[in-house]
Amino acid sequence: MGADWLARELKRGTAEVLILSLLEEHERHGYDLARLIGERSEGAITFHAASLYPTLYRLEDQSLIEGRWVEKAGQRRRRYYRLTAAGKRRLARQRSTWEQFVAGFRNVAGIRPA
């Protein structure tokens, strides 16, 4: 169990809240979500777009997001996702849980904000 294992587990546990947070701003497609996660985390968190799709499908099945196909001239069609009212409620709960977890983790591990 090394750093690679920990990184995979952390990514698995954060994908949902990251996706919902970005979709709260406006609708996006999978490639855009992966790109923004990398950009906004300054490279600390990265996902290949393909690895996000199982989470997107699950969130859609749970009615937390809605997807629609968009076709633009000269481009391949893309599925754009948007947050639903149920997704907004889930995101609020997840943010609260993460805030408590991060505060507790910092206290125990002795990590101070930069």
Protein backbone atom coordinates (compact mmCIF):
# COMPACT_ATOMS: atom_id res chain seq x y z
CA MET A 1 0.00 0.00 0.00
CA GLY A 2 2.00 2.93 -1.29
CA ALA A 3 1.36 6.45 -2.43
CA ASP A 4 -0.20 5.23 -5.71
CA TRP A 5 -2.80 3.21 -3.82
CA LEU A 6 -3.65 6.18 -1.58
CA ALA A 7 -3.94 8.52 -4.58
CA ARG A 8 -6.35 6.11 -6.33
CA GLU A 9 -8.52 5.78 -3.21
CA LEU A 10 -8.61 9.53 -2.65
CA LYS A 11 -9.61 10.12 -6.27
CA ARG A 12 -12.35 7.51 -6.01
CA GLY A 13 -13.73 9.23 -2.90
CA THR A 14 -13.63 12.74 -4.32
CA ALA A 15 -14.84 12.33 -7.92
CA GLU A 16 -18.51 12.78 -7.08
CA VAL A 17 -18.17 16.00 -5.10
CA LEU A 18 -15.77 17.45 -7.68
CA ILE A 19 -18.14 16.69 -10.56
CA LEU A 20 -21.19 18.04 -8.74
CA SER A 21 -19.28 21.19 -7.75
CA LEU A 22 -18.27 21.96 -11.33
CA LEU A 23 -21.75 21.25 -12.65
CA GLU A 24 -23.17 23.66 -10.09
CA GLU A 25 -21.57 26.48 -12.13
CA HIS A 26 -23.05 25.37 -15.47
CA GLU A 27 -23.44 22.35 -17.70
CA ARG A 28 -20.29 20.63 -18.95
CA HIS A 29 -19.14 17.54 -20.82
CA GLY A 30 -16.81 14.85 -19.47
CA TYR A 31 -13.63 16.14 -21.11
CA ASP A 32 -14.28 19.63 -19.74
CA LEU A 33 -14.84 18.24 -16.24
CA ALA A 34 -11.54 16.33 -16.31
CA ARG A 35 -9.67 19.36 -17.66
CA LEU A 36 -11.08 21.72 -15.05
CA ILE A 37 -10.34 19.38 -12.15
CA GLY A 38 -6.70 19.29 -13.25
CA GLU A 39 -6.51 23.05 -13.81
CA ARG A 40 -8.21 24.14 -10.61
CA SER A 41 -6.28 21.69 -8.46
CA GLU A 42 -3.06 22.91 -10.11
CA GLY A 43 -2.36 19.35 -11.22
CA ALA A 44 -2.75 17.80 -7.76
CA ILE A 45 -5.89 15.92 -8.86
CA THR A 46 -6.14 14.53 -12.38
CA PHE A 47 -8.63 12.30 -14.12
CA HIS A 48 -8.71 10.94 -17.64
CA ALA A 49 -12.09 11.90 -19.05
CA ALA A 50 -12.91 8.22 -19.68
CA SER A 51 -12.42 7.41 -16.00
CA LEU A 52 -15.11 9.94 -15.03
CA TYR A 53 -17.85 8.38 -17.16
CA PRO A 54 -18.78 5.56 -14.76
CA THR A 55 -19.35 8.20 -12.07
CA LEU A 56 -21.32 10.39 -14.49
CA TYR A 57 -23.53 7.45 -15.47
CA ARG A 58 -24.12 6.56 -11.81
CA LEU A 59 -24.99 10.17 -10.92
CA GLU A 60 -27.38 10.28 -13.86
CA ASP A 61 -29.00 6.98 -12.80
CA GLN A 62 -29.50 8.49 -9.34
CA SER A 63 -31.12 11.62 -10.91
CA LEU A 64 -28.43 13.86 -9.41
CA ILE A 65 -27.44 15.09 -12.87
CA GLU A 66 -29.13 15.13 -16.26
CA GLY A 67 -27.37 14.61 -19.57
CA ARG A 68 -28.25 15.70 -23.07
CA TRP A 69 -26.53 15.14 -26.39
CA VAL A 70 -25.35 18.24 -28.25
CA GLU A 71 -24.22 18.24 -31.87
CA LYS A 72 -22.25 21.14 -33.29
CA ALA A 73 -21.16 21.53 -36.89
CA GLY A 74 -17.65 20.22 -37.44
CA GLN A 75 -17.47 18.59 -34.01
CA ARG A 76 -18.37 15.19 -32.68
CA ARG A 77 -21.47 15.09 -30.55
CA ARG A 78 -20.96 15.44 -26.82
CA ARG A 79 -23.06 14.66 -23.80
CA TYR A 80 -23.46 17.71 -21.58
CA TYR A 81 -24.45 17.23 -17.97
CA ARG A 82 -26.21 19.60 -15.60
CA LEU A 83 -26.97 19.46 -11.89
CA THR A 84 -30.53 18.66 -10.79
CA ALA A 85 -32.25 19.90 -7.63
CA ALA A 86 -31.48 16.54 -5.98
CA GLY A 87 -27.85 16.96 -7.04
CA LYS A 88 -27.71 20.40 -5.40
CA ARG A 89 -29.00 18.92 -2.14
CA ARG A 90 -26.47 16.07 -2.30
CA LEU A 91 -23.65 18.54 -3.01
CA ALA A 92 -24.58 20.66 0.02
CA ARG A 93 -24.47 17.57 2.26
CA GLN A 94 -21.19 16.40 0.78
CA ARG A 95 -19.56 19.82 1.23
CA SER A 96 -20.56 19.85 4.88
CA THR A 97 -19.18 16.35 5.39
CA TRP A 98 -15.92 17.21 3.62
CA GLU A 99 -15.47 20.41 5.64
CA GLN A 100 -15.80 18.46 8.88
CA PHE A 101 -13.53 15.68 7.65
CA VAL A 102 -10.77 18.01 6.43
CA ALA A 103 -10.87 20.04 9.65
CA GLY A 104 -10.63 16.87 11.73
CA PHE A 105 -7.88 15.42 9.53
CA ARG A 106 -5.81 18.60 9.83
CA ASN A 107 -6.18 18.56 13.60
CA VAL A 108 -5.10 14.94 13.92
CA ALA A 109 -2.34 14.95 11.29
CA GLY A 110 -0.96 18.35 12.28
CA ILE A 111 -1.40 19.80 8.79
CA ARG A 112 -1.74 23.57 8.69
CA PRO A 113 -3.23 25.56 5.81
CA ALA A 114 -0.64 27.10 3.49
